[in-house]
Amino acid sequence: ILKLRQDRAVLLGFPTHADYRMADTMAKTPANAMGLMMKVWPAA
């Protein structure tokens, strides 16, 4: 599944599957999502 997802992302013009899936989200980018998670992770 991971291989096919990455192949599809590249075919559609996205660097990664995460970039493809997040194009129509509030977070917009993997970096924004990771930024929020890493604000919480150390305290947790």
ModelCIF file with pLDDT and N, C-alpha, C, O atoms, coordinates in Angstrom:
data_MODEL
#
_entry.id   MODEL 
#
_entity.id                         1 
_entity.type                       polymer 
_entity.pdbx_number_of_molecules   1 
#
_entity_poly.entity_id                      1 
_entity_poly.type                           'polypeptide(L)' 
_entity_poly.nstd_linkage                   no 
_entity_poly.nstd_monomer                   no 
_entity_poly.pdbx_seq_one_letter_code       ILKLRQDRAVLLGFPTHADYRMADTMAKTPANAMGLMMKVWPAA 
_entity_poly.pdbx_seq_one_letter_code_can   ILKLRQDRAVLLGFPTHADYRMADTMAKTPANAMGLMMKVWPAA 
_entity_poly.pdbx_strand_id                 A 
#
loop_
_entity_poly_seq.entity_id 
_entity_poly_seq.num 
_entity_poly_seq.mon_id 
_entity_poly_seq.hetero 
1 1  ILE n 
1 2  LEU n 
1 3  LYS n 
1 4  LEU n 
1 5  ARG n 
1 6  GLN n 
1 7  ASP n 
1 8  ARG n 
1 9  ALA n 
1 10 VAL n 
1 11 LEU n 
1 12 LEU n 
1 13 GLY n 
1 14 PHE n 
1 15 PRO n 
1 16 THR n 
1 17 HIS n 
1 18 ALA n 
1 19 ASP n 
1 20 TYR n 
1 21 ARG n 
1 22 MET n 
1 23 ALA n 
1 24 ASP n 
1 25 THR n 
1 26 MET n 
1 27 ALA n 
1 28 LYS n 
1 29 THR n 
1 30 PRO n 
1 31 ALA n 
1 32 ASN n 
1 33 ALA n 
1 34 MET n 
1 35 GLY n 
1 36 LEU n 
1 37 MET n 
1 38 MET n 
1 39 LYS n 
1 40 VAL n 
1 41 TRP n 
1 42 PRO n 
1 43 ALA n 
1 44 ALA n 
#
_struct_asym.id          A 
_struct_asym.entity_id   1 
#
loop_
_ma_qa_metric.id 
_ma_qa_metric.mode 
_ma_qa_metric.name 
_ma_qa_metric.software_group_id 
_ma_qa_metric.type 
1 global pLDDT . pLDDT 
2 local  pLDDT . pLDDT 
#
_ma_qa_metric_global.metric_id      1 
_ma_qa_metric_global.metric_value   96.57 
_ma_qa_metric_global.model_id       1 
_ma_qa_metric_global.ordinal_id     1 
#
loop_
_ma_qa_metric_local.label_asym_id 
_ma_qa_metric_local.label_comp_id 
_ma_qa_metric_local.label_seq_id 
_ma_qa_metric_local.metric_id 
_ma_qa_metric_local.metric_value 
_ma_qa_metric_local.model_id 
_ma_qa_metric_local.ordinal_id 
A ILE 1  2 98.00 1 1  
A LEU 2  2 98.00 1 2  
A LYS 3  2 98.00 1 3  
A LEU 4  2 98.00 1 4  
A ARG 5  2 98.00 1 5  
A GLN 6  2 98.00 1 6  
A ASP 7  2 98.00 1 7  
A ARG 8  2 98.00 1 8  
A ALA 9  2 98.00 1 9  
A VAL 10 2 98.00 1 10 
A LEU 11 2 98.00 1 11 
A LEU 12 2 98.00 1 12 
A GLY 13 2 97.00 1 13 
A PHE 14 2 98.00 1 14 
A PRO 15 2 98.00 1 15 
A THR 16 2 98.00 1 16 
A HIS 17 2 98.00 1 17 
A ALA 18 2 98.00 1 18 
A ASP 19 2 98.00 1 19 
A TYR 20 2 98.00 1 20 
A ARG 21 2 97.00 1 21 
A MET 22 2 96.00 1 22 
A ALA 23 2 94.00 1 23 
A ASP 24 2 93.00 1 24 
A THR 25 2 94.00 1 25 
A MET 26 2 94.00 1 26 
A ALA 27 2 95.00 1 27 
A LYS 28 2 94.00 1 28 
A THR 29 2 96.00 1 29 
A PRO 30 2 97.00 1 30 
A ALA 31 2 97.00 1 31 
A ASN 32 2 96.00 1 32 
A ALA 33 2 96.00 1 33 
A MET 34 2 97.00 1 34 
A GLY 35 2 95.00 1 35 
A LEU 36 2 95.00 1 36 
A MET 37 2 96.00 1 37 
A MET 38 2 96.00 1 38 
A LYS 39 2 93.00 1 39 
A VAL 40 2 95.00 1 40 
A TRP 41 2 97.00 1 41 
A PRO 42 2 96.00 1 42 
A ALA 43 2 95.00 1 43 
A ALA 44 2 96.00 1 44 
#
loop_
_atom_site.group_PDB 
_atom_site.id 
_atom_site.type_symbol 
_atom_site.label_atom_id 
_atom_site.label_alt_id 
_atom_site.label_comp_id 
_atom_site.label_asym_id 
_atom_site.label_entity_id 
_atom_site.label_seq_id 
_atom_site.pdbx_PDB_ins_code 
_atom_site.Cartn_x 
_atom_site.Cartn_y 
_atom_site.Cartn_z 
_atom_site.occupancy 
_atom_site.B_iso_or_equiv 
_atom_site.pdbx_formal_charge 
_atom_site.auth_seq_id 
_atom_site.auth_comp_id 
_atom_site.auth_asym_id 
_atom_site.auth_atom_id 
_atom_site.pdbx_PDB_model_num 
ATOM 1   N N  . ILE A 1 1  ? 0.841  -1.207 0.000   1.00 98.00 ? 1  ILE A N  1 
ATOM 2   C CA . ILE A 1 1  ? 0.000  0.000  0.000   1.00 98.00 ? 1  ILE A CA 1 
ATOM 3   C C  . ILE A 1 1  ? 0.875  1.255  0.000   1.00 98.00 ? 1  ILE A C  1 
ATOM 4   O O  . ILE A 1 1  ? 0.615  2.201  -0.744  1.00 98.00 ? 1  ILE A O  1 
ATOM 5   N N  . LEU A 1 2  ? 1.909  1.255  0.837   1.00 98.00 ? 2  LEU A N  1 
ATOM 6   C CA . LEU A 1 2  ? 2.779  2.431  0.936   1.00 98.00 ? 2  LEU A CA 1 
ATOM 7   C C  . LEU A 1 2  ? 3.485  2.711  -0.390  1.00 98.00 ? 2  LEU A C  1 
ATOM 8   O O  . LEU A 1 2  ? 3.611  3.866  -0.797  1.00 98.00 ? 2  LEU A O  1 
ATOM 9   N N  . LYS A 1 3  ? 3.939  1.670  -1.053  1.00 98.00 ? 3  LYS A N  1 
ATOM 10  C CA . LYS A 1 3  ? 4.613  1.859  -2.341  1.00 98.00 ? 3  LYS A CA 1 
ATOM 11  C C  . LYS A 1 3  ? 3.647  2.438  -3.374  1.00 98.00 ? 3  LYS A C  1 
ATOM 12  O O  . LYS A 1 3  ? 3.984  3.386  -4.083  1.00 98.00 ? 3  LYS A O  1 
ATOM 13  N N  . LEU A 1 4  ? 2.458  1.870  -3.455  1.00 98.00 ? 4  LEU A N  1 
ATOM 14  C CA . LEU A 1 4  ? 1.494  2.342  -4.444  1.00 98.00 ? 4  LEU A CA 1 
ATOM 15  C C  . LEU A 1 4  ? 1.039  3.764  -4.142  1.00 98.00 ? 4  LEU A C  1 
ATOM 16  O O  . LEU A 1 4  ? 0.823  4.557  -5.059  1.00 98.00 ? 4  LEU A O  1 
ATOM 17  N N  . ARG A 1 5  ? 0.894  4.087  -2.869  1.00 98.00 ? 5  ARG A N  1 
ATOM 18  C CA . ARG A 1 5  ? 0.512  5.454  -2.511  1.00 98.00 ? 5  ARG A CA 1 
ATOM 19  C C  . ARG A 1 5  ? 1.572  6.463  -2.951  1.00 98.00 ? 5  ARG A C  1 
ATOM 20  O O  . ARG A 1 5  ? 1.246  7.523  -3.485  1.00 98.00 ? 5  ARG A O  1 
ATOM 21  N N  . GLN A 1 6  ? 2.829  6.129  -2.727  1.00 98.00 ? 6  GLN A N  1 
ATOM 22  C CA . GLN A 1 6  ? 3.886  7.051  -3.113  1.00 98.00 ? 6  GLN A CA 1 
ATOM 23  C C  . GLN A 1 6  ? 3.980  7.156  -4.632  1.00 98.00 ? 6  GLN A C  1 
ATOM 24  O O  . GLN A 1 6  ? 4.195  8.243  -5.170  1.00 98.00 ? 6  GLN A O  1 
ATOM 25  N N  . ASP A 1 7  ? 3.821  6.031  -5.322  1.00 98.00 ? 7  ASP A N  1 
ATOM 26  C CA . ASP A 1 7  ? 3.820  6.060  -6.790  1.00 98.00 ? 7  ASP A CA 1 
ATOM 27  C C  . ASP A 1 7  ? 2.701  6.964  -7.301  1.00 98.00 ? 7  ASP A C  1 
ATOM 28  O O  . ASP A 1 7  ? 2.898  7.730  -8.245  1.00 98.00 ? 7  ASP A O  1 
ATOM 29  N N  . ARG A 1 8  ? 1.547  6.875  -6.688  1.00 98.00 ? 8  ARG A N  1 
ATOM 30  C CA . ARG A 1 8  ? 0.414  7.701  -7.106  1.00 98.00 ? 8  ARG A CA 1 
ATOM 31  C C  . ARG A 1 8  ? 0.678  9.177  -6.823  1.00 98.00 ? 8  ARG A C  1 
ATOM 32  O O  . ARG A 1 8  ? 0.375  10.032 -7.655  1.00 98.00 ? 8  ARG A O  1 
ATOM 33  N N  . ALA A 1 9  ? 1.244  9.480  -5.647  1.00 98.00 ? 9  ALA A N  1 
ATOM 34  C CA . ALA A 1 9  ? 1.527  10.867 -5.307  1.00 98.00 ? 9  ALA A CA 1 
ATOM 35  C C  . ALA A 1 9  ? 2.470  11.500 -6.332  1.00 98.00 ? 9  ALA A C  1 
ATOM 36  O O  . ALA A 1 9  ? 2.239  12.615 -6.799  1.00 98.00 ? 9  ALA A O  1 
ATOM 37  N N  . VAL A 1 10 ? 3.511  10.788 -6.668  1.00 98.00 ? 10 VAL A N  1 
ATOM 38  C CA . VAL A 1 10 ? 4.472  11.304 -7.653  1.00 98.00 ? 10 VAL A CA 1 
ATOM 39  C C  . VAL A 1 10 ? 3.792  11.488 -9.006  1.00 98.00 ? 10 VAL A C  1 
ATOM 40  O O  . VAL A 1 10 ? 3.992  12.504 -9.672  1.00 98.00 ? 10 VAL A O  1 
ATOM 41  N N  . LEU A 1 11 ? 2.999  10.517 -9.406  1.00 98.00 ? 11 LEU A N  1 
ATOM 42  C CA . LEU A 1 11 ? 2.289  10.606 -10.681 1.00 98.00 ? 11 LEU A CA 1 
ATOM 43  C C  . LEU A 1 11 ? 1.400  11.844 -10.728 1.00 98.00 ? 11 LEU A C  1 
ATOM 44  O O  . LEU A 1 11 ? 1.255  12.470 -11.778 1.00 98.00 ? 11 LEU A O  1 
ATOM 45  N N  . LEU A 1 12 ? 0.801  12.199 -9.581  1.00 98.00 ? 12 LEU A N  1 
ATOM 46  C CA . LEU A 1 12 ? -0.114 13.334 -9.515  1.00 98.00 ? 12 LEU A CA 1 
ATOM 47  C C  . LEU A 1 12 ? 0.602  14.659 -9.244  1.00 98.00 ? 12 LEU A C  1 
ATOM 48  O O  . LEU A 1 12 ? -0.038 15.705 -9.149  1.00 98.00 ? 12 LEU A O  1 
ATOM 49  N N  . GLY A 1 13 ? 1.927  14.611 -9.119  1.00 97.00 ? 13 GLY A N  1 
ATOM 50  C CA . GLY A 1 13 ? 2.695  15.843 -8.971  1.00 97.00 ? 13 GLY A CA 1 
ATOM 51  C C  . GLY A 1 13 ? 2.958  16.284 -7.553  1.00 97.00 ? 13 GLY A C  1 
ATOM 52  O O  . GLY A 1 13 ? 3.254  17.456 -7.320  1.00 97.00 ? 13 GLY A O  1 
ATOM 53  N N  . PHE A 1 14 ? 2.858  15.368 -6.585  1.00 98.00 ? 14 PHE A N  1 
ATOM 54  C CA . PHE A 1 14 ? 3.096  15.692 -5.188  1.00 98.00 ? 14 PHE A CA 1 
ATOM 55  C C  . PHE A 1 14 ? 4.361  14.995 -4.699  1.00 98.00 ? 14 PHE A C  1 
ATOM 56  O O  . PHE A 1 14 ? 4.643  13.873 -5.118  1.00 98.00 ? 14 PHE A O  1 
ATOM 57  N N  . PRO A 1 15 ? 5.129  15.639 -3.820  1.00 98.00 ? 15 PRO A N  1 
ATOM 58  C CA . PRO A 1 15 ? 6.363  15.013 -3.327  1.00 98.00 ? 15 PRO A CA 1 
ATOM 59  C C  . PRO A 1 15 ? 6.104  13.728 -2.558  1.00 98.00 ? 15 PRO A C  1 
ATOM 60  O O  . PRO A 1 15 ? 6.856  12.762 -2.678  1.00 98.00 ? 15 PRO A O  1 
ATOM 61  N N  . THR A 1 16 ? 5.034  13.720 -1.765  1.00 98.00 ? 16 THR A N  1 
ATOM 62  C CA . THR A 1 16 ? 4.743  12.559 -0.920  1.00 98.00 ? 16 THR A CA 1 
ATOM 63  C C  . THR A 1 16 ? 3.235  12.342 -0.847  1.00 98.00 ? 16 THR A C  1 
ATOM 64  O O  . THR A 1 16 ? 2.440  13.203 -1.224  1.00 98.00 ? 16 THR A O  1 
ATOM 65  N N  . HIS A 1 17 ? 2.870  11.163 -0.350  1.00 98.00 ? 17 HIS A N  1 
ATOM 66  C CA . HIS A 1 17 ? 1.449  10.885 -0.123  1.00 98.00 ? 17 HIS A CA 1 
ATOM 67  C C  . HIS A 1 17 ? 0.861  11.867 0.884   1.00 98.00 ? 17 HIS A C  1 
ATOM 68  O O  . HIS A 1 17 ? -0.296 12.267 0.749   1.00 98.00 ? 17 HIS A O  1 
ATOM 69  N N  . ALA A 1 18 ? 1.636  12.259 1.885   1.00 98.00 ? 18 ALA A N  1 
ATOM 70  C CA . ALA A 1 18 ? 1.140  13.212 2.871   1.00 98.00 ? 18 ALA A CA 1 
ATOM 71  C C  . ALA A 1 18 ? 0.806  14.551 2.212   1.00 98.00 ? 18 ALA A C  1 
ATOM 72  O O  . ALA A 1 18 ? -0.224 15.147 2.525   1.00 98.00 ? 18 ALA A O  1 
ATOM 73  N N  . ASP A 1 19 ? 1.647  15.025 1.321   1.00 98.00 ? 19 ASP A N  1 
ATOM 74  C CA . ASP A 1 19 ? 1.364  16.281 0.617   1.00 98.00 ? 19 ASP A CA 1 
ATOM 75  C C  . ASP A 1 19 ? 0.081  16.161 -0.202  1.00 98.00 ? 19 ASP A C  1 
ATOM 76  O O  . ASP A 1 19 ? -0.736 17.081 -0.229  1.00 98.00 ? 19 ASP A O  1 
ATOM 77  N N  . TYR A 1 20 ? -0.088 15.023 -0.867  1.00 98.00 ? 20 TYR A N  1 
ATOM 78  C CA . TYR A 1 20 ? -1.292 14.791 -1.672  1.00 98.00 ? 20 TYR A CA 1 
ATOM 79  C C  . TYR A 1 20 ? -2.539 14.792 -0.806  1.00 98.00 ? 20 TYR A C  1 
ATOM 80  O O  . TYR A 1 20 ? -3.530 15.437 -1.150  1.00 98.00 ? 20 TYR A O  1 
ATOM 81  N N  . ARG A 1 21 ? -2.506 14.081 0.308   1.00 97.00 ? 21 ARG A N  1 
ATOM 82  C CA . ARG A 1 21 ? -3.688 13.927 1.144   1.00 97.00 ? 21 ARG A CA 1 
ATOM 83  C C  . ARG A 1 21 ? -4.042 15.218 1.893   1.00 97.00 ? 21 ARG A C  1 
ATOM 84  O O  . ARG A 1 21 ? -5.201 15.429 2.249   1.00 97.00 ? 21 ARG A O  1 
ATOM 85  N N  . MET A 1 22 ? -3.058 16.071 2.131   1.00 96.00 ? 22 MET A N  1 
ATOM 86  C CA . MET A 1 22 ? -3.311 17.252 2.951   1.00 96.00 ? 22 MET A CA 1 
ATOM 87  C C  . MET A 1 22 ? -3.599 18.511 2.141   1.00 96.00 ? 22 MET A C  1 
ATOM 88  O O  . MET A 1 22 ? -3.778 19.589 2.707   1.00 96.00 ? 22 MET A O  1 
ATOM 89  N N  . ALA A 1 23 ? -3.644 18.374 0.828   1.00 94.00 ? 23 ALA A N  1 
ATOM 90  C CA . ALA A 1 23 ? -3.836 19.561 -0.011  1.00 94.00 ? 23 ALA A CA 1 
ATOM 91  C C  . ALA A 1 23 ? -5.171 20.249 0.240   1.00 94.00 ? 23 ALA A C  1 
ATOM 92  O O  . ALA A 1 23 ? -5.287 21.461 0.055   1.00 94.00 ? 23 ALA A O  1 
ATOM 93  N N  . ASP A 1 24 ? -6.183 19.488 0.662   1.00 93.00 ? 24 ASP A N  1 
ATOM 94  C CA . ASP A 1 24 ? -7.499 20.075 0.904   1.00 93.00 ? 24 ASP A CA 1 
ATOM 95  C C  . ASP A 1 24 ? -7.899 19.896 2.366   1.00 93.00 ? 24 ASP A C  1 
ATOM 96  O O  . ASP A 1 24 ? -8.985 19.402 2.668   1.00 93.00 ? 24 ASP A O  1 
ATOM 97  N N  . THR A 1 25 ? -7.012 20.302 3.264   1.00 94.00 ? 25 THR A N  1 
ATOM 98  C CA . THR A 1 25 ? -7.288 20.240 4.699   1.00 94.00 ? 25 THR A CA 1 
ATOM 99  C C  . THR A 1 25 ? -7.077 21.619 5.315   1.00 94.00 ? 25 THR A C  1 
ATOM 100 O O  . THR A 1 25 ? -6.576 22.535 4.663   1.00 94.00 ? 25 THR A O  1 
ATOM 101 N N  . MET A 1 26 ? -7.466 21.751 6.576   1.00 94.00 ? 26 MET A N  1 
ATOM 102 C CA . MET A 1 26 ? -7.214 23.003 7.274   1.00 94.00 ? 26 MET A CA 1 
ATOM 103 C C  . MET A 1 26 ? -5.727 23.195 7.529   1.00 94.00 ? 26 MET A C  1 
ATOM 104 O O  . MET A 1 26 ? -5.217 24.312 7.446   1.00 94.00 ? 26 MET A O  1 
ATOM 105 N N  . ALA A 1 27 ? -5.029 22.103 7.841   1.00 95.00 ? 27 ALA A N  1 
ATOM 106 C CA . ALA A 1 27 ? -3.599 22.195 8.141   1.00 95.00 ? 27 ALA A CA 1 
ATOM 107 C C  . ALA A 1 27 ? -2.765 22.520 6.905   1.00 95.00 ? 27 ALA A C  1 
ATOM 108 O O  . ALA A 1 27 ? -1.731 23.180 7.009   1.00 95.00 ? 27 ALA A O  1 
ATOM 109 N N  . LYS A 1 28 ? -3.206 22.065 5.745   1.00 94.00 ? 28 LYS A N  1 
ATOM 110 C CA . LYS A 1 28 ? -2.592 22.333 4.436   1.00 94.00 ? 28 LYS A CA 1 
ATOM 111 C C  . LYS A 1 28 ? -1.317 21.528 4.164   1.00 94.00 ? 28 LYS A C  1 
ATOM 112 O O  . LYS A 1 28 ? -1.171 20.963 3.080   1.00 94.00 ? 28 LYS A O  1 
ATOM 113 N N  . THR A 1 29 ? -0.384 21.468 5.140   1.00 96.00 ? 29 THR A N  1 
ATOM 114 C CA . THR A 1 29 ? 0.898  20.819 4.886   1.00 96.00 ? 29 THR A CA 1 
ATOM 115 C C  . THR A 1 29 ? 1.260  19.872 6.023   1.00 96.00 ? 29 THR A C  1 
ATOM 116 O O  . THR A 1 29 ? 0.797  20.054 7.148   1.00 96.00 ? 29 THR A O  1 
ATOM 117 N N  . PRO A 1 30 ? 2.092  18.851 5.739   1.00 97.00 ? 30 PRO A N  1 
ATOM 118 C CA . PRO A 1 30 ? 2.578  17.971 6.804   1.00 97.00 ? 30 PRO A CA 1 
ATOM 119 C C  . PRO A 1 30 ? 3.316  18.736 7.895   1.00 97.00 ? 30 PRO A C  1 
ATOM 120 O O  . PRO A 1 30 ? 3.212  18.395 9.073   1.00 97.00 ? 30 PRO A O  1 
ATOM 121 N N  . ALA A 1 31 ? 4.059  19.765 7.509   1.00 97.00 ? 31 ALA A N  1 
ATOM 122 C CA . ALA A 1 31 ? 4.830  20.534 8.494   1.00 97.00 ? 31 ALA A CA 1 
ATOM 123 C C  . ALA A 1 31 ? 3.914  21.216 9.508   1.00 97.00 ? 31 ALA A C  1 
ATOM 124 O O  . ALA A 1 31 ? 4.225  21.259 10.699  1.00 97.00 ? 31 ALA A O  1 
ATOM 125 N N  . ASN A 1 32 ? 2.788  21.745 9.038   1.00 96.00 ? 32 ASN A N  1 
ATOM 126 C CA . ASN A 1 32 ? 1.855  22.398 9.953   1.00 96.00 ? 32 ASN A CA 1 
ATOM 127 C C  . ASN A 1 32 ? 1.250  21.401 10.935  1.00 96.00 ? 32 ASN A C  1 
ATOM 128 O O  . ASN A 1 32 ? 1.096  21.701 12.119  1.00 96.00 ? 32 ASN A O  1 
ATOM 129 N N  . ALA A 1 33 ? 0.911  20.225 10.442  1.00 96.00 ? 33 ALA A N  1 
ATOM 130 C CA . ALA A 1 33 ? 0.355  19.198 11.319  1.00 96.00 ? 33 ALA A CA 1 
ATOM 131 C C  . ALA A 1 33 ? 1.393  18.736 12.336  1.00 96.00 ? 33 ALA A C  1 
ATOM 132 O O  . ALA A 1 33 ? 1.092  18.597 13.521  1.00 96.00 ? 33 ALA A O  1 
ATOM 133 N N  . MET A 1 34 ? 2.619  18.499 11.865  1.00 97.00 ? 34 MET A N  1 
ATOM 134 C CA . MET A 1 34 ? 3.681  18.077 12.775  1.00 97.00 ? 34 MET A CA 1 
ATOM 135 C C  . MET A 1 34 ? 3.991  19.169 13.786  1.00 97.00 ? 34 MET A C  1 
ATOM 136 O O  . MET A 1 34 ? 4.304  18.880 14.941  1.00 97.00 ? 34 MET A O  1 
ATOM 137 N N  . GLY A 1 35 ? 3.905  20.415 13.358  1.00 95.00 ? 35 GLY A N  1 
ATOM 138 C CA . GLY A 1 35 ? 4.178  21.518 14.271  1.00 95.00 ? 35 GLY A CA 1 
ATOM 139 C C  . GLY A 1 35 ? 3.243  21.502 15.465  1.00 95.00 ? 35 GLY A C  1 
ATOM 140 O O  . GLY A 1 35 ? 3.679  21.699 16.600  1.00 95.00 ? 35 GLY A O  1 
ATOM 141 N N  . LEU A 1 36 ? 1.949  21.267 15.216  1.00 95.00 ? 36 LEU A N  1 
ATOM 142 C CA . LEU A 1 36 ? 0.997  21.194 16.318  1.00 95.00 ? 36 LEU A CA 1 
ATOM 143 C C  . LEU A 1 36 ? 1.295  19.987 17.206  1.00 95.00 ? 36 LEU A C  1 
ATOM 144 O O  . LEU A 1 36 ? 1.299  20.103 18.431  1.00 95.00 ? 36 LEU A O  1 
ATOM 145 N N  . MET A 1 37 ? 1.543  18.839 16.597  1.00 96.00 ? 37 MET A N  1 
ATOM 146 C CA . MET A 1 37 ? 1.773  17.625 17.385  1.00 96.00 ? 37 MET A CA 1 
ATOM 147 C C  . MET A 1 37 ? 2.998  17.755 18.273  1.00 96.00 ? 37 MET A C  1 
ATOM 148 O O  . MET A 1 37 ? 2.993  17.298 19.416  1.00 96.00 ? 37 MET A O  1 
ATOM 149 N N  . MET A 1 38 ? 4.047  18.379 17.750  1.00 96.00 ? 38 MET A N  1 
ATOM 150 C CA . MET A 1 38 ? 5.280  18.482 18.536  1.00 96.00 ? 38 MET A CA 1 
ATOM 151 C C  . MET A 1 38 ? 5.201  19.555 19.619  1.00 96.00 ? 38 MET A C  1 
ATOM 152 O O  . MET A 1 38 ? 6.057  19.608 20.502  1.00 96.00 ? 38 MET A O  1 
ATOM 153 N N  . LYS A 1 39 ? 4.178  20.409 19.557  1.00 93.00 ? 39 LYS A N  1 
ATOM 154 C CA . LYS A 1 39 ? 3.945  21.324 20.678  1.00 93.00 ? 39 LYS A CA 1 
ATOM 155 C C  . LYS A 1 39 ? 3.404  20.577 21.886  1.00 93.00 ? 39 LYS A C  1 
ATOM 156 O O  . LYS A 1 39 ? 3.581  21.009 23.025  1.00 93.00 ? 39 LYS A O  1 
ATOM 157 N N  . VAL A 1 40 ? 2.744  19.454 21.632  1.00 95.00 ? 40 VAL A N  1 
ATOM 158 C CA . VAL A 1 40 ? 2.079  18.701 22.692  1.00 95.00 ? 40 VAL A CA 1 
ATOM 159 C C  . VAL A 1 40 ? 2.901  17.501 23.143  1.00 95.00 ? 40 VAL A C  1 
ATOM 160 O O  . VAL A 1 40 ? 2.861  17.141 24.319  1.00 95.00 ? 40 VAL A O  1 
ATOM 161 N N  . TRP A 1 41 ? 3.648  16.872 22.234  1.00 97.00 ? 41 TRP A N  1 
ATOM 162 C CA . TRP A 1 41 ? 4.335  15.616 22.518  1.00 97.00 ? 41 TRP A CA 1 
ATOM 163 C C  . TRP A 1 41 ? 5.281  15.680 23.723  1.00 97.00 ? 41 TRP A C  1 
ATOM 164 O O  . TRP A 1 41 ? 5.184  14.812 24.590  1.00 97.00 ? 41 TRP A O  1 
ATOM 165 N N  . PRO A 1 42 ? 6.181  16.645 23.825  1.00 96.00 ? 42 PRO A N  1 
ATOM 166 C CA . PRO A 1 42 ? 7.108  16.640 24.967  1.00 96.00 ? 42 PRO A CA 1 
ATOM 167 C C  . PRO A 1 42 ? 6.387  16.687 26.316  1.00 96.00 ? 42 PRO A C  1 
ATOM 168 O O  . PRO A 1 42 ? 6.767  15.978 27.248  1.00 96.00 ? 42 PRO A O  1 
ATOM 169 N N  . ALA A 1 43 ? 5.365  17.510 26.421  1.00 95.00 ? 43 ALA A N  1 
ATOM 170 C CA . ALA A 1 43 ? 4.626  17.602 27.680  1.00 95.00 ? 43 ALA A CA 1 
ATOM 171 C C  . ALA A 1 43 ? 3.917  16.292 27.985  1.00 95.00 ? 43 ALA A C  1 
ATOM 172 O O  . ALA A 1 43 ? 3.833  15.887 29.145  1.00 95.00 ? 43 ALA A O  1 
ATOM 173 N N  . ALA A 1 44 ? 3.410  15.629 26.959  1.00 96.00 ? 44 ALA A N  1 
ATOM 174 C CA . ALA A 1 44 ? 2.715  14.360 27.161  1.00 96.00 ? 44 ALA A CA 1 
ATOM 175 C C  . ALA A 1 44 ? 3.672  13.287 27.658  1.00 96.00 ? 44 ALA A C  1 
ATOM 176 O O  . ALA A 1 44 ? 3.261  12.149 27.883  1.00 96.00 ? 44 ALA A O  1 
#
